[in-house]
């Protein structure tokens, strides 16, 4: 996947998530019937996940050498997706810095603005990287180990969609919210 396609997919993944979360009712934004993270918490988690990526993308390449040189070629988007699915299937969970606090409805607009800022910053920063350098530097990932910069961007795209899909599964049109809530309580 080339840099321009990565930028387009980053834009789409952030936008699709924002649109979905922005259209949820206030109640659905702050509550989760399964006891999992609410939509607001997932939004906060994605912001927390994007910030270090943007920080790394903005660093002088010299400092990124601290993480070492990649020992292999960048894996494909599909390989990164499968590696992430594998660690989740084996019980991996988000590490402490990425665990969001409880969110309140008053935070929705602020969080959506922060998410859009992270998206715009990431897309702009990716544009400052020569294509070949996306494979020349690596960054640490808390669950997947060291990933090339290109792989981190693939992960970010998939990670946004992973959380979007999780929320979409909760919105079961054949079961209205009171029915779902009743099922969980009783």
C-alpha atoms as a PDB file:
ATOM      1  CA  UNK A   1       0.000   0.000   0.000  1.00  0.00           C
ATOM      2  CA  UNK A   2       1.432   3.338  -1.036  1.00  0.00           C
ATOM      3  CA  UNK A   3       1.554   6.469   1.118  1.00  0.00           C
ATOM      4  CA  UNK A   4      -1.357   8.217  -0.630  1.00  0.00           C
ATOM      5  CA  UNK A   5      -3.588   5.173  -0.150  1.00  0.00           C
ATOM      6  CA  UNK A   6      -2.586   4.993   3.516  1.00  0.00           C
ATOM      7  CA  UNK A   7      -3.572   8.641   3.927  1.00  0.00           C
ATOM      8  CA  UNK A   8      -6.950   8.019   2.265  1.00  0.00           C
ATOM      9  CA  UNK A   9      -7.657   4.983   4.430  1.00  0.00           C
ATOM     10  CA  UNK A  10      -6.606   6.837   7.584  1.00  0.00           C
ATOM     11  CA  UNK A  11      -9.008   9.627   6.671  1.00  0.00           C
ATOM     12  CA  UNK A  12     -11.830   7.188   5.986  1.00  0.00           C
ATOM     13  CA  UNK A  13     -11.279   5.124   9.143  1.00  0.00           C
ATOM     14  CA  UNK A  14     -11.258   8.191  11.403  1.00  0.00           C
ATOM     15  CA  UNK A  15     -14.228   9.746   9.585  1.00  0.00           C
ATOM     16  CA  UNK A  16     -16.308   6.567   9.615  1.00  0.00           C
ATOM     17  CA  UNK A  17     -15.769   6.160  13.356  1.00  0.00           C
ATOM     18  CA  UNK A  18     -16.547   9.844  14.061  1.00  0.00           C
ATOM     19  CA  UNK A  19     -19.708   9.769  11.985  1.00  0.00           C
ATOM     20  CA  UNK A  20     -21.011   6.659  13.709  1.00  0.00           C
ATOM     21  CA  UNK A  21     -20.250   7.942  17.216  1.00  0.00           C
ATOM     22  CA  UNK A  22     -21.561  11.412  16.388  1.00  0.00           C
ATOM     23  CA  UNK A  23     -24.906   9.953  15.308  1.00  0.00           C
ATOM     24  CA  UNK A  24     -25.450   7.916  18.479  1.00  0.00           C
ATOM     25  CA  UNK A  25     -27.968   9.116  21.038  1.00  0.00           C
ATOM     26  CA  UNK A  26     -26.537  10.651  24.193  1.00  0.00           C
ATOM     27  CA  UNK A  27     -27.491   7.530  26.114  1.00  0.00           C
ATOM     28  CA  UNK A  28     -25.796   5.195  23.635  1.00  0.00           C
ATOM     29  CA  UNK A  29     -22.668   7.364  23.672  1.00  0.00           C
ATOM     30  CA  UNK A  30     -22.091   6.973  27.428  1.00  0.00           C
ATOM     31  CA  UNK A  31     -23.575   3.536  28.237  1.00  0.00           C
ATOM     32  CA  UNK A  32     -22.689   0.026  27.156  1.00  0.00           C
ATOM     33  CA  UNK A  33     -25.082  -2.795  27.964  1.00  0.00           C
ATOM     34  CA  UNK A  34     -22.334  -5.422  27.866  1.00  0.00           C
ATOM     35  CA  UNK A  35     -20.235  -3.800  30.577  1.00  0.00           C
ATOM     36  CA  UNK A  36     -17.557  -3.044  27.987  1.00  0.00           C
ATOM     37  CA  UNK A  37     -16.265   0.389  27.063  1.00  0.00           C
ATOM     38  CA  UNK A  38     -18.926   2.846  25.993  1.00  0.00           C
ATOM     39  CA  UNK A  39     -18.724   4.566  22.612  1.00  0.00           C
ATOM     40  CA  UNK A  40     -17.333   7.619  24.392  1.00  0.00           C
ATOM     41  CA  UNK A  41     -14.637   5.549  26.060  1.00  0.00           C
ATOM     42  CA  UNK A  42     -13.748   3.906  22.768  1.00  0.00           C
ATOM     43  CA  UNK A  43     -13.434   7.345  21.189  1.00  0.00           C
ATOM     44  CA  UNK A  44     -11.152   8.440  24.041  1.00  0.00           C
ATOM     45  CA  UNK A  45      -9.119   5.219  23.629  1.00  0.00           C
ATOM     46  CA  UNK A  46      -8.605   5.894  19.915  1.00  0.00           C
ATOM     47  CA  UNK A  47      -7.434   9.439  20.675  1.00  0.00           C
ATOM     48  CA  UNK A  48      -4.991   8.064  23.254  1.00  0.00           C
ATOM     49  CA  UNK A  49      -3.780   5.561  20.651  1.00  0.00           C
ATOM     50  CA  UNK A  50      -3.298   8.154  17.899  1.00  0.00           C
ATOM     51  CA  UNK A  51      -1.329  10.658  19.977  1.00  0.00           C
ATOM     52  CA  UNK A  52       1.889   8.631  20.328  1.00  0.00           C
ATOM     53  CA  UNK A  53       1.777   7.756  16.636  1.00  0.00           C
ATOM     54  CA  UNK A  54       1.588  11.447  15.774  1.00  0.00           C
ATOM     55  CA  UNK A  55       4.352  12.230  18.241  1.00  0.00           C
ATOM     56  CA  UNK A  56       6.608   9.629  16.607  1.00  0.00           C
ATOM     57  CA  UNK A  57       5.738  10.765  13.076  1.00  0.00           C
ATOM     58  CA  UNK A  58       6.736  14.300  14.061  1.00  0.00           C
ATOM     59  CA  UNK A  59      10.088  13.344  15.639  1.00  0.00           C
ATOM     60  CA  UNK A  60      13.347  13.827  13.776  1.00  0.00           C
ATOM     61  CA  UNK A  61      14.165  10.483  12.140  1.00  0.00           C
ATOM     62  CA  UNK A  62      17.483  10.471  14.009  1.00  0.00           C
ATOM     63  CA  UNK A  63      15.661   9.959  17.328  1.00  0.00           C
ATOM     64  CA  UNK A  64      13.606   7.096  15.929  1.00  0.00           C
ATOM     65  CA  UNK A  65      16.831   5.129  15.469  1.00  0.00           C
ATOM     66  CA  UNK A  66      16.689   4.595  19.239  1.00  0.00           C
ATOM     67  CA  UNK A  67      14.093   1.882  18.528  1.00  0.00           C
ATOM     68  CA  UNK A  68      16.512   0.074  16.215  1.00  0.00           C
ATOM     69  CA  UNK A  69      16.348  -0.834  12.544  1.00  0.00           C
ATOM     70  CA  UNK A  70      13.666  -3.180  11.279  1.00  0.00           C
ATOM     71  CA  UNK A  71      15.006  -6.706  10.876  1.00  0.00           C
ATOM     72  CA  UNK A  72      12.443  -7.552   8.191  1.00  0.00           C
ATOM     73  CA  UNK A  73      10.354  -5.953   5.467  1.00  0.00           C
ATOM     74  CA  UNK A  74       7.042  -4.350   6.407  1.00  0.00           C
ATOM     75  CA  UNK A  75       4.157  -6.772   6.628  1.00  0.00           C
ATOM     76  CA  UNK A  76       0.964  -6.156   4.677  1.00  0.00           C
ATOM     77  CA  UNK A  77      -2.187  -4.604   6.083  1.00  0.00           C
ATOM     78  CA  UNK A  78      -3.756  -8.065   6.192  1.00  0.00           C
ATOM     79  CA  UNK A  79      -0.813  -9.521   8.126  1.00  0.00           C
ATOM     80  CA  UNK A  80      -0.969  -6.712  10.709  1.00  0.00           C
ATOM     81  CA  UNK A  81      -4.742  -7.185  11.025  1.00  0.00           C
ATOM     82  CA  UNK A  82      -4.317 -10.914  11.584  1.00  0.00           C
ATOM     83  CA  UNK A  83      -1.480 -10.411  14.096  1.00  0.00           C
ATOM     84  CA  UNK A  84      -3.700  -8.044  16.110  1.00  0.00           C
ATOM     85  CA  UNK A  85      -6.673 -10.401  15.955  1.00  0.00           C
ATOM     86  CA  UNK A  86      -4.412 -13.217  17.128  1.00  0.00           C
ATOM     87  CA  UNK A  87      -3.171 -11.355  20.233  1.00  0.00           C
ATOM     88  CA  UNK A  88      -6.731 -10.305  21.104  1.00  0.00           C
ATOM     89  CA  UNK A  89      -7.958 -13.877  20.690  1.00  0.00           C
ATOM     90  CA  UNK A  90      -5.232 -14.975  23.101  1.00  0.00           C
ATOM     91  CA  UNK A  91      -6.430 -12.579  25.784  1.00  0.00           C
ATOM     92  CA  UNK A  92      -4.428  -9.398  25.173  1.00  0.00           C
ATOM     93  CA  UNK A  93      -6.057  -6.246  26.470  1.00  0.00           C
ATOM     94  CA  UNK A  94      -5.259  -2.571  26.241  1.00  0.00           C
ATOM     95  CA  UNK A  95      -2.349  -1.419  28.371  1.00  0.00           C
ATOM     96  CA  UNK A  96      -2.838   1.154  31.108  1.00  0.00           C
ATOM     97  CA  UNK A  97      -1.932   4.365  29.219  1.00  0.00           C
ATOM     98  CA  UNK A  98      -4.627   3.590  26.653  1.00  0.00           C
ATOM     99  CA  UNK A  99      -7.439   2.682  29.045  1.00  0.00           C
ATOM    100  CA  UNK A 100      -9.975   5.513  29.047  1.00  0.00           C
ATOM    101  CA  UNK A 101     -11.802   6.845  32.090  1.00  0.00           C
ATOM    102  CA  UNK A 102     -15.595   6.971  32.189  1.00  0.00           C
ATOM    103  CA  UNK A 103     -16.847   9.574  29.729  1.00  0.00           C
ATOM    104  CA  UNK A 104     -19.710  11.964  30.193  1.00  0.00           C
ATOM    105  CA  UNK A 105     -22.009  13.275  27.491  1.00  0.00           C
ATOM    106  CA  UNK A 106     -20.594  16.783  27.937  1.00  0.00           C
ATOM    107  CA  UNK A 107     -17.277  15.456  26.595  1.00  0.00           C
ATOM    108  CA  UNK A 108     -18.646  14.247  23.264  1.00  0.00           C
ATOM    109  CA  UNK A 109     -17.980  17.375  21.200  1.00  0.00           C
ATOM    110  CA  UNK A 110     -14.549  17.906  22.740  1.00  0.00           C
ATOM    111  CA  UNK A 111     -13.557  14.296  22.123  1.00  0.00           C
ATOM    112  CA  UNK A 112     -14.829  14.404  18.533  1.00  0.00           C
ATOM    113  CA  UNK A 113     -12.801  17.587  17.921  1.00  0.00           C
ATOM    114  CA  UNK A 114      -9.684  15.995  19.439  1.00  0.00           C
ATOM    115  CA  UNK A 115     -10.195  12.913  17.284  1.00  0.00           C
ATOM    116  CA  UNK A 116     -10.485  15.060  14.145  1.00  0.00           C
ATOM    117  CA  UNK A 117      -7.334  16.952  15.156  1.00  0.00           C
ATOM    118  CA  UNK A 118      -5.422  13.692  15.581  1.00  0.00           C
ATOM    119  CA  UNK A 119      -6.686  12.511  12.185  1.00  0.00           C
ATOM    120  CA  UNK A 120      -5.677  15.719  10.391  1.00  0.00           C
ATOM    121  CA  UNK A 121      -2.309  15.788  12.100  1.00  0.00           C
ATOM    122  CA  UNK A 122      -1.581  12.152  11.233  1.00  0.00           C
ATOM    123  CA  UNK A 123      -2.531  12.532   7.580  1.00  0.00           C
ATOM    124  CA  UNK A 124      -0.389  15.669   7.305  1.00  0.00           C
ATOM    125  CA  UNK A 125       2.589  14.088   9.051  1.00  0.00           C
ATOM    126  CA  UNK A 126       2.444  10.967   6.863  1.00  0.00           C
ATOM    127  CA  UNK A 127       2.689  13.279   3.872  1.00  0.00           C
ATOM    128  CA  UNK A 128       6.017  14.585   5.202  1.00  0.00           C
ATOM    129  CA  UNK A 129       7.593  11.115   5.091  1.00  0.00           C
ATOM    130  CA  UNK A 130       9.315   9.874   1.952  1.00  0.00           C
ATOM    131  CA  UNK A 131       7.733   6.582   0.872  1.00  0.00           C
ATOM    132  CA  UNK A 132      10.833   4.466   1.519  1.00  0.00           C
ATOM    133  CA  UNK A 133      11.301   5.814   5.034  1.00  0.00           C
ATOM    134  CA  UNK A 134       7.987   4.310   6.152  1.00  0.00           C
ATOM    135  CA  UNK A 135       9.800   0.959   6.027  1.00  0.00           C
ATOM    136  CA  UNK A 136      13.142   2.160   7.397  1.00  0.00           C
ATOM    137  CA  UNK A 137      12.083   3.031  10.953  1.00  0.00           C
ATOM    138  CA  UNK A 138      10.270   1.067  13.606  1.00  0.00           C
ATOM    139  CA  UNK A 139       8.222   1.955  16.658  1.00  0.00           C
ATOM    140  CA  UNK A 140       7.177  -0.065  19.711  1.00  0.00           C
ATOM    141  CA  UNK A 141       3.604  -1.285  19.972  1.00  0.00           C
ATOM    142  CA  UNK A 142       2.376  -2.414  23.416  1.00  0.00           C
ATOM    143  CA  UNK A 143       0.796  -5.627  22.093  1.00  0.00           C
ATOM    144  CA  UNK A 144       2.486  -6.331  18.764  1.00  0.00           C
ATOM    145  CA  UNK A 145       6.101  -5.462  19.566  1.00  0.00           C
ATOM    146  CA  UNK A 146       8.159  -3.411  17.146  1.00  0.00           C
ATOM    147  CA  UNK A 147       6.374  -2.376  13.970  1.00  0.00           C
ATOM    148  CA  UNK A 148       7.687  -0.415  11.014  1.00  0.00           C
ATOM    149  CA  UNK A 149       6.157   3.025  10.599  1.00  0.00           C
ATOM    150  CA  UNK A 150       4.094   1.684   7.688  1.00  0.00           C
ATOM    151  CA  UNK A 151       2.833  -1.170   9.887  1.00  0.00           C
ATOM    152  CA  UNK A 152       1.888   1.291  12.650  1.00  0.00           C
ATOM    153  CA  UNK A 153      -0.216   3.185  10.129  1.00  0.00           C
ATOM    154  CA  UNK A 154      -1.844  -0.056   8.956  1.00  0.00           C
ATOM    155  CA  UNK A 155      -2.561  -0.889  12.572  1.00  0.00           C
ATOM    156  CA  UNK A 156      -4.113   2.546  13.168  1.00  0.00           C
ATOM    157  CA  UNK A 157      -6.459   2.098  10.210  1.00  0.00           C
ATOM    158  CA  UNK A 158      -7.511  -1.359  11.353  1.00  0.00           C
ATOM    159  CA  UNK A 159      -7.720  -0.342  15.019  1.00  0.00           C
ATOM    160  CA  UNK A 160     -10.237   2.402  14.182  1.00  0.00           C
ATOM    161  CA  UNK A 161     -12.339  -0.090  12.228  1.00  0.00           C
ATOM    162  CA  UNK A 162     -12.029  -2.741  14.934  1.00  0.00           C
ATOM    163  CA  UNK A 163     -13.614  -0.359  17.450  1.00  0.00           C
ATOM    164  CA  UNK A 164     -16.210   0.837  14.934  1.00  0.00           C
ATOM    165  CA  UNK A 165     -17.219  -2.766  14.230  1.00  0.00           C
ATOM    166  CA  UNK A 166     -17.495  -3.454  17.971  1.00  0.00           C
ATOM    167  CA  UNK A 167     -19.925  -0.548  18.340  1.00  0.00           C
ATOM    168  CA  UNK A 168     -21.884  -1.480  15.221  1.00  0.00           C
ATOM    169  CA  UNK A 169     -22.467  -4.977  16.585  1.00  0.00           C
ATOM    170  CA  UNK A 170     -24.054  -3.452  19.671  1.00  0.00           C
ATOM    171  CA  UNK A 171     -26.557  -1.550  17.576  1.00  0.00           C
ATOM    172  CA  UNK A 172     -28.807  -4.470  16.797  1.00  0.00           C
ATOM    173  CA  UNK A 173     -31.716  -3.040  14.823  1.00  0.00           C
ATOM    174  CA  UNK A 174     -33.840  -6.127  15.451  1.00  0.00           C
ATOM    175  CA  UNK A 175     -33.542  -5.549  19.205  1.00  0.00           C
ATOM    176  CA  UNK A 176     -34.388  -2.101  20.561  1.00  0.00           C
ATOM    177  CA  UNK A 177     -32.267  -0.736  23.414  1.00  0.00           C
ATOM    178  CA  UNK A 178     -34.735  -1.619  26.240  1.00  0.00           C
ATOM    179  CA  UNK A 179     -34.839  -5.236  25.041  1.00  0.00           C
ATOM    180  CA  UNK A 180     -31.043  -5.454  24.947  1.00  0.00           C
ATOM    181  CA  UNK A 181     -30.763  -3.852  28.376  1.00  0.00           C
ATOM    182  CA  UNK A 182     -33.365  -6.196  29.834  1.00  0.00           C
ATOM    183  CA  UNK A 183     -31.498  -9.195  28.379  1.00  0.00           C
ATOM    184  CA  UNK A 184     -28.277  -8.099  30.098  1.00  0.00           C
ATOM    185  CA  UNK A 185     -29.878  -7.323  33.469  1.00  0.00           C
ATOM    186  CA  UNK A 186     -32.040 -10.446  33.746  1.00  0.00           C
END
